PDB file of N, CA and C in Angstrom:
ATOM      1  N   UNK A   1       0.839  -1.175  -0.003  1.00  0.00           N
ATOM      2  CA  UNK A   1       0.002  -0.003   0.002  1.00  0.00           C
ATOM      3  C   UNK A   1       0.886   1.234  -0.005  1.00  0.00           C
ATOM      4  N   UNK A   2       0.564   2.148  -0.858  1.00  0.00           N
ATOM      5  CA  UNK A   2       1.387   3.365  -0.940  1.00  0.00           C
ATOM      6  C   UNK A   2       0.529   4.591  -0.658  1.00  0.00           C
ATOM      7  N   UNK A   3       0.850   5.215   0.447  1.00  0.00           N
ATOM      8  CA  UNK A   3       0.221   6.474   0.825  1.00  0.00           C
ATOM      9  C   UNK A   3       1.346   7.425   1.205  1.00  0.00           C
ATOM     10  N   UNK A   4       1.156   8.699   0.964  1.00  0.00           N
ATOM     11  CA  UNK A   4       2.161   9.649   1.451  1.00  0.00           C
ATOM     12  C   UNK A   4       2.290   9.544   2.977  1.00  0.00           C
ATOM     13  N   UNK A   5       3.467   9.752   3.473  1.00  0.00           N
ATOM     14  CA  UNK A   5       3.726   9.614   4.917  1.00  0.00           C
ATOM     15  C   UNK A   5       2.807  10.505   5.742  1.00  0.00           C
ATOM     16  N   UNK A   6       2.520  11.712   5.265  1.00  0.00           N
ATOM     17  CA  UNK A   6       1.650  12.623   6.010  1.00  0.00           C
ATOM     18  C   UNK A   6       0.255  12.032   6.179  1.00  0.00           C
ATOM     19  N   UNK A   7      -0.270  11.432   5.125  1.00  0.00           N
ATOM     20  CA  UNK A   7      -1.596  10.807   5.221  1.00  0.00           C
ATOM     21  C   UNK A   7      -1.573   9.576   6.135  1.00  0.00           C
ATOM     22  N   UNK A   8      -0.483   8.844   6.082  1.00  0.00           N
ATOM     23  CA  UNK A   8      -0.353   7.679   6.961  1.00  0.00           C
ATOM     24  C   UNK A   8      -0.360   8.103   8.422  1.00  0.00           C
ATOM     25  N   UNK A   9       0.348   9.177   8.725  1.00  0.00           N
ATOM     26  CA  UNK A   9       0.390   9.665  10.098  1.00  0.00           C
ATOM     27  C   UNK A   9      -0.973  10.176  10.547  1.00  0.00           C
ATOM     28  N   UNK A  10      -1.717  10.789   9.636  1.00  0.00           N
ATOM     29  CA  UNK A  10      -3.073  11.228   9.975  1.00  0.00           C
ATOM     30  C   UNK A  10      -3.934  10.030  10.361  1.00  0.00           C
ATOM     31  N   UNK A  11      -3.800   8.923   9.630  1.00  0.00           N
ATOM     32  CA  UNK A  11      -4.547   7.712   9.968  1.00  0.00           C
ATOM     33  C   UNK A  11      -4.134   7.166  11.339  1.00  0.00           C
ATOM     34  N   UNK A  12      -2.856   7.151  11.615  1.00  0.00           N
ATOM     35  CA  UNK A  12      -2.371   6.676  12.915  1.00  0.00           C
ATOM     36  C   UNK A  12      -2.906   7.559  14.033  1.00  0.00           C
ATOM     37  N   UNK A  13      -2.831   8.869  13.856  1.00  0.00           N
ATOM     38  CA  UNK A  13      -3.308   9.803  14.882  1.00  0.00           C
ATOM     39  C   UNK A  13      -4.815   9.652  15.085  1.00  0.00           C
ATOM     40  N   UNK A  14      -5.570   9.527  14.000  1.00  0.00           N
ATOM     41  CA  UNK A  14      -7.020   9.360  14.114  1.00  0.00           C
ATOM     42  C   UNK A  14      -7.373   8.058  14.852  1.00  0.00           C
ATOM     43  N   UNK A  15      -6.629   7.006  14.565  1.00  0.00           N
ATOM     44  CA  UNK A  15      -6.870   5.746  15.245  1.00  0.00           C
ATOM     45  C   UNK A  15      -6.566   5.834  16.728  1.00  0.00           C
ATOM     46  N   UNK A  16      -5.455   6.440  17.068  1.00  0.00           N
ATOM     47  CA  UNK A  16      -5.076   6.596  18.475  1.00  0.00           C
ATOM     48  C   UNK A  16      -6.081   7.490  19.187  1.00  0.00           C
ATOM     49  N   UNK A  17      -6.519   8.533  18.518  1.00  0.00           N
ATOM     50  CA  UNK A  17      -7.530   9.436  19.089  1.00  0.00           C
ATOM     51  C   UNK A  17      -8.774   8.636  19.502  1.00  0.00           C
ATOM     52  N   UNK A  18      -9.243   7.776  18.630  1.00  0.00           N
ATOM     53  CA  UNK A  18     -10.414   6.954  18.934  1.00  0.00           C
ATOM     54  C   UNK A  18     -10.170   6.062  20.151  1.00  0.00           C
ATOM     55  N   UNK A  19      -8.987   5.511  20.243  1.00  0.00           N
ATOM     56  CA  UNK A  19      -8.662   4.618  21.348  1.00  0.00           C
ATOM     57  C   UNK A  19      -8.499   5.358  22.677  1.00  0.00           C
ATOM     58  N   UNK A  20      -8.243   6.642  22.616  1.00  0.00           N
ATOM     59  CA  UNK A  20      -8.114   7.450  23.828  1.00  0.00           C
ATOM     60  C   UNK A  20      -9.463   8.036  24.262  1.00  0.00           C
ATOM     61  N   UNK A  21     -10.231   8.528  23.300  1.00  0.00           N
ATOM     62  CA  UNK A  21     -11.455   9.261  23.613  1.00  0.00           C
ATOM     63  C   UNK A  21     -12.621   8.350  23.992  1.00  0.00           C
ATOM     64  N   UNK A  22     -12.848   7.282  23.239  1.00  0.00           N
ATOM     65  CA  UNK A  22     -14.048   6.463  23.453  1.00  0.00           C
ATOM     66  C   UNK A  22     -14.112   5.778  24.817  1.00  0.00           C
ATOM     67  N   UNK A  23     -13.010   5.264  25.358  1.00  0.00           N
ATOM     68  CA  UNK A  23     -13.117   4.679  26.704  1.00  0.00           C
ATOM     69  C   UNK A  23     -13.551   5.705  27.763  1.00  0.00           C
ATOM     70  N   UNK A  24     -13.094   6.948  27.625  1.00  0.00           N
ATOM     71  CA  UNK A  24     -13.495   8.008  28.554  1.00  0.00           C
ATOM     72  C   UNK A  24     -15.000   8.251  28.451  1.00  0.00           C
ATOM     73  N   UNK A  25     -15.511   8.242  27.228  1.00  0.00           N
ATOM     74  CA  UNK A  25     -16.942   8.416  26.988  1.00  0.00           C
ATOM     75  C   UNK A  25     -17.725   7.284  27.646  1.00  0.00           C
ATOM     76  N   UNK A  26     -17.235   6.061  27.491  1.00  0.00           N
ATOM     77  CA  UNK A  26     -17.926   4.899  28.056  1.00  0.00           C
ATOM     78  C   UNK A  26     -17.957   4.977  29.579  1.00  0.00           C
ATOM     79  N   UNK A  27     -16.902   5.461  30.196  1.00  0.00           N
ATOM     80  CA  UNK A  27     -16.882   5.615  31.659  1.00  0.00           C
ATOM     81  C   UNK A  27     -17.993   6.552  32.114  1.00  0.00           C
ATOM     82  N   UNK A  28     -18.200   7.629  31.351  1.00  0.00           N
ATOM     83  CA  UNK A  28     -19.267   8.563  31.698  1.00  0.00           C
ATOM     84  C   UNK A  28     -20.640   7.937  31.513  1.00  0.00           C
ATOM     85  N   UNK A  29     -20.802   7.168  30.444  1.00  0.00           N
ATOM     86  CA  UNK A  29     -22.078   6.500  30.194  1.00  0.00           C
ATOM     87  C   UNK A  29     -22.379   5.515  31.313  1.00  0.00           C
ATOM     88  N   UNK A  30     -21.382   4.780  31.768  1.00  0.00           N
ATOM     89  CA  UNK A  30     -21.581   3.792  32.836  1.00  0.00           C
ATOM     90  C   UNK A  30     -22.047   4.449  34.134  1.00  0.00           C
ATOM     91  N   UNK A  31     -21.635   5.686  34.376  1.00  0.00           N
ATOM     92  CA  UNK A  31     -22.024   6.408  35.584  1.00  0.00           C
ATOM     93  C   UNK A  31     -23.380   7.097  35.435  1.00  0.00           C
ATOM     94  N   UNK A  32     -23.875   7.205  34.229  1.00  0.00           N
ATOM     95  CA  UNK A  32     -25.145   7.880  33.964  1.00  0.00           C
ATOM     96  C   UNK A  32     -26.293   7.079  34.585  1.00  0.00           C
ATOM     97  N   UNK A  33     -27.215   7.750  35.246  1.00  0.00           N
ATOM     98  CA  UNK A  33     -28.338   7.037  35.866  1.00  0.00           C
ATOM     99  C   UNK A  33     -29.230   6.314  34.856  1.00  0.00           C
ATOM    100  N   UNK A  34     -29.184   6.726  33.603  1.00  0.00           N
ATOM    101  CA  UNK A  34     -30.005   6.052  32.578  1.00  0.00           C
ATOM    102  C   UNK A  34     -29.404   4.729  32.137  1.00  0.00           C
ATOM    103  N   UNK A  35     -28.182   4.409  32.554  1.00  0.00           N
ATOM    104  CA  UNK A  35     -27.507   3.204  32.101  1.00  0.00           C
ATOM    105  C   UNK A  35     -28.072   1.928  32.744  1.00  0.00           C
ATOM    106  N   UNK A  36     -28.678   2.059  33.921  1.00  0.00           N
ATOM    107  CA  UNK A  36     -29.222   0.905  34.622  1.00  0.00           C
ATOM    108  C   UNK A  36     -30.617   1.228  35.140  1.00  0.00           C
ATOM    109  N   UNK A  37     -31.475   0.226  35.157  1.00  0.00           N
ATOM    110  CA  UNK A  37     -32.823   0.442  35.693  1.00  0.00           C
ATOM    111  C   UNK A  37     -32.786   0.301  37.222  1.00  0.00           C
ATOM    112  N   UNK A  38     -33.953   0.349  37.822  1.00  0.00           N
ATOM    113  CA  UNK A  38     -34.046   0.312  39.283  1.00  0.00           C
ATOM    114  C   UNK A  38     -33.484  -0.972  39.893  1.00  0.00           C
ATOM    115  N   UNK A  39     -33.530  -2.065  39.135  1.00  0.00           N
ATOM    116  CA  UNK A  39     -32.999  -3.332  39.657  1.00  0.00           C
ATOM    117  C   UNK A  39     -31.527  -3.528  39.308  1.00  0.00           C
ATOM    118  N   UNK A  40     -30.918  -2.561  38.655  1.00  0.00           N
ATOM    119  CA  UNK A  40     -29.499  -2.643  38.315  1.00  0.00           C
ATOM    120  C   UNK A  40     -29.208  -3.269  36.966  1.00  0.00           C
ATOM    121  N   UNK A  41     -30.266  -3.626  36.244  1.00  0.00           N
ATOM    122  CA  UNK A  41     -30.094  -4.253  34.928  1.00  0.00           C
ATOM    123  C   UNK A  41     -29.747  -3.196  33.868  1.00  0.00           C
ATOM    124  N   UNK A  42     -28.910  -3.575  32.928  1.00  0.00           N
ATOM    125  CA  UNK A  42     -28.518  -2.659  31.851  1.00  0.00           C
ATOM    126  C   UNK A  42     -29.742  -2.268  31.023  1.00  0.00           C
ATOM    127  N   UNK A  43     -29.784  -0.995  30.643  1.00  0.00           N
ATOM    128  CA  UNK A  43     -30.889  -0.490  29.829  1.00  0.00           C
ATOM    129  C   UNK A  43     -30.477  -0.426  28.364  1.00  0.00           C
ATOM    130  N   UNK A  44     -31.437  -0.114  27.507  1.00  0.00           N
ATOM    131  CA  UNK A  44     -31.130   0.052  26.086  1.00  0.00           C
ATOM    132  C   UNK A  44     -30.149   1.196  25.872  1.00  0.00           C
ATOM    133  N   UNK A  45     -30.250   2.220  26.716  1.00  0.00           N
ATOM    134  CA  UNK A  45     -29.324   3.345  26.662  1.00  0.00           C
ATOM    135  C   UNK A  45     -27.884   2.854  26.774  1.00  0.00           C
ATOM    136  N   UNK A  46     -27.622   2.002  27.746  1.00  0.00           N
ATOM    137  CA  UNK A  46     -26.281   1.466  27.942  1.00  0.00           C
ATOM    138  C   UNK A  46     -25.885   0.553  26.785  1.00  0.00           C
ATOM    139  N   UNK A  47     -26.781  -0.323  26.386  1.00  0.00           N
ATOM    140  CA  UNK A  47     -26.484  -1.274  25.307  1.00  0.00           C
ATOM    141  C   UNK A  47     -26.107  -0.554  24.020  1.00  0.00           C
ATOM    142  N   UNK A  48     -26.878   0.442  23.660  1.00  0.00           N
ATOM    143  CA  UNK A  48     -26.598   1.207  22.429  1.00  0.00           C
ATOM    144  C   UNK A  48     -25.240   1.873  22.525  1.00  0.00           C
ATOM    145  N   UNK A  49     -24.919   2.447  23.670  1.00  0.00           N
ATOM    146  CA  UNK A  49     -23.643   3.140  23.797  1.00  0.00           C
ATOM    147  C   UNK A  49     -22.460   2.182  23.839  1.00  0.00           C
ATOM    148  N   UNK A  50     -22.640   1.022  24.429  1.00  0.00           N
ATOM    149  CA  UNK A  50     -21.564   0.026  24.418  1.00  0.00           C
ATOM    150  C   UNK A  50     -21.286  -0.428  22.989  1.00  0.00           C
ATOM    151  N   UNK A  51     -22.338  -0.640  22.201  1.00  0.00           N
ATOM    152  CA  UNK A  51     -22.164  -1.022  20.797  1.00  0.00           C
ATOM    153  C   UNK A  51     -21.457   0.097  20.025  1.00  0.00           C
ATOM    154  N   UNK A  52     -21.883   1.333  20.244  1.00  0.00           N
ATOM    155  CA  UNK A  52     -21.262   2.482  19.577  1.00  0.00           C
ATOM    156  C   UNK A  52     -19.769   2.565  19.912  1.00  0.00           C
ATOM    157  N   UNK A  53     -19.439   2.445  21.178  1.00  0.00           N
ATOM    158  CA  UNK A  53     -18.032   2.525  21.596  1.00  0.00           C
ATOM    159  C   UNK A  53     -17.230   1.363  21.026  1.00  0.00           C
ATOM    160  N   UNK A  54     -17.793   0.164  21.050  1.00  0.00           N
ATOM    161  CA  UNK A  54     -17.084  -1.013  20.529  1.00  0.00           C
ATOM    162  C   UNK A  54     -16.777  -0.851  19.045  1.00  0.00           C
ATOM    163  N   UNK A  55     -17.771  -0.476  18.267  1.00  0.00           N
ATOM    164  CA  UNK A  55     -17.564  -0.293  16.825  1.00  0.00           C
ATOM    165  C   UNK A  55     -16.537   0.809  16.566  1.00  0.00           C
ATOM    166  N   UNK A  56     -16.640   1.906  17.313  1.00  0.00           N
ATOM    167  CA  UNK A  56     -15.710   3.015  17.119  1.00  0.00           C
ATOM    168  C   UNK A  56     -14.278   2.625  17.456  1.00  0.00           C
ATOM    169  N   UNK A  57     -14.113   1.809  18.498  1.00  0.00           N
ATOM    170  CA  UNK A  57     -12.762   1.386  18.866  1.00  0.00           C
ATOM    171  C   UNK A  57     -12.204   0.375  17.870  1.00  0.00           C
ATOM    172  N   UNK A  58     -13.040  -0.508  17.360  1.00  0.00           N
ATOM    173  CA  UNK A  58     -12.573  -1.442  16.322  1.00  0.00           C
ATOM    174  C   UNK A  58     -12.140  -0.660  15.080  1.00  0.00           C
ATOM    175  N   UNK A  59     -12.940   0.324  14.697  1.00  0.00           N
ATOM    176  CA  UNK A  59     -12.554   1.157  13.547  1.00  0.00           C
ATOM    177  C   UNK A  59     -11.286   1.961  13.848  1.00  0.00           C
ATOM    178  N   UNK A  60     -11.116   2.383  15.096  1.00  0.00           N
ATOM    179  CA  UNK A  60      -9.902   3.092  15.476  1.00  0.00           C
ATOM    180  C   UNK A  60      -8.656   2.217  15.353  1.00  0.00           C
ATOM    181  N   UNK A  61      -8.774   0.982  15.792  1.00  0.00           N
ATOM    182  CA  UNK A  61      -7.649   0.030  15.652  1.00  0.00           C
ATOM    183  C   UNK A  61      -7.357  -0.205  14.175  1.00  0.00           C
ATOM    184  N   UNK A  62      -8.412  -0.390  13.380  1.00  0.00           N
ATOM    185  CA  UNK A  62      -8.221  -0.620  11.943  1.00  0.00           C
ATOM    186  C   UNK A  62      -7.568   0.597  11.266  1.00  0.00           C
ATOM    187  N   UNK A  63      -8.025   1.779  11.628  1.00  0.00           N
ATOM    188  CA  UNK A  63      -7.482   3.007  11.055  1.00  0.00           C
ATOM    189  C   UNK A  63      -6.010   3.155  11.401  1.00  0.00           C
ATOM    190  N   UNK A  64      -5.676   2.959  12.665  1.00  0.00           N
ATOM    191  CA  UNK A  64      -4.274   3.052  13.075  1.00  0.00           C
ATOM    192  C   UNK A  64      -3.443   1.973  12.396  1.00  0.00           C
ATOM    193  N   UNK A  65      -3.996   0.783  12.304  1.00  0.00           N
ATOM    194  CA  UNK A  65      -3.276  -0.322  11.642  1.00  0.00           C
ATOM    195  C   UNK A  65      -2.999  -0.039  10.191  1.00  0.00           C
ATOM    196  N   UNK A  66      -3.956   0.523   9.488  1.00  0.00           N
ATOM    197  CA  UNK A  66      -3.739   0.882   8.079  1.00  0.00           C
ATOM    198  C   UNK A  66      -2.664   1.953   7.965  1.00  0.00           C
ATOM    199  N   UNK A  67      -2.712   2.944   8.866  1.00  0.00           N
ATOM    200  CA  UNK A  67      -1.683   3.983   8.838  1.00  0.00           C
ATOM    201  C   UNK A  67      -0.300   3.427   9.105  1.00  0.00           C
ATOM    202  N   UNK A  68      -0.196   2.533  10.075  1.00  0.00           N
ATOM    203  CA  UNK A  68       1.103   1.926  10.376  1.00  0.00           C
ATOM    204  C   UNK A  68       1.589   1.065   9.220  1.00  0.00           C
ATOM    205  N   UNK A  69       0.667   0.281   8.651  1.00  0.00           N
ATOM    206  CA  UNK A  69       1.034  -0.566   7.506  1.00  0.00           C
ATOM    207  C   UNK A  69       1.542   0.271   6.333  1.00  0.00           C
ATOM    208  N   UNK A  70       0.939   1.423   6.146  1.00  0.00           N
ATOM    209  CA  UNK A  70       1.354   2.287   5.039  1.00  0.00           C
ATOM    210  C   UNK A  70       2.725   2.922   5.311  1.00  0.00           C
ATOM    211  N   UNK A  71       3.095   3.060   6.572  1.00  0.00           N
ATOM    212  CA  UNK A  71       4.404   3.635   6.907  1.00  0.00           C
ATOM    213  C   UNK A  71       5.537   2.632   6.771  1.00  0.00           C
ATOM    214  N   UNK A  72       5.212   1.348   6.900  1.00  0.00           N
ATOM    215  CA  UNK A  72       6.263   0.320   6.811  1.00  0.00           C
ATOM    216  C   UNK A  72       6.714   0.135   5.371  1.00  0.00           C
ATOM    217  N   UNK A  73       8.005  -0.175   5.199  1.00  0.00           N
ATOM    218  CA  UNK A  73       8.521  -0.344   3.820  1.00  0.00           C
ATOM    219  C   UNK A  73       8.000  -1.583   3.126  1.00  0.00           C
TER     220      UNK A  73
END
């Protein structure tokens, strides 16, 4: 794969950004009173956000991986 080094670094930075930001977001969601019902069971609010964070982190790993792969000779 051939990408200019600048674009490769942008991919790496974007991937790392996702891996740093989304876990912080999930911590806030877990503390949100809407995340669990009165019996402590997970709500749809929590489920949707866990799926969102998971997909975003997988895409972040893929993005960083593509950037790193493009930087290697």
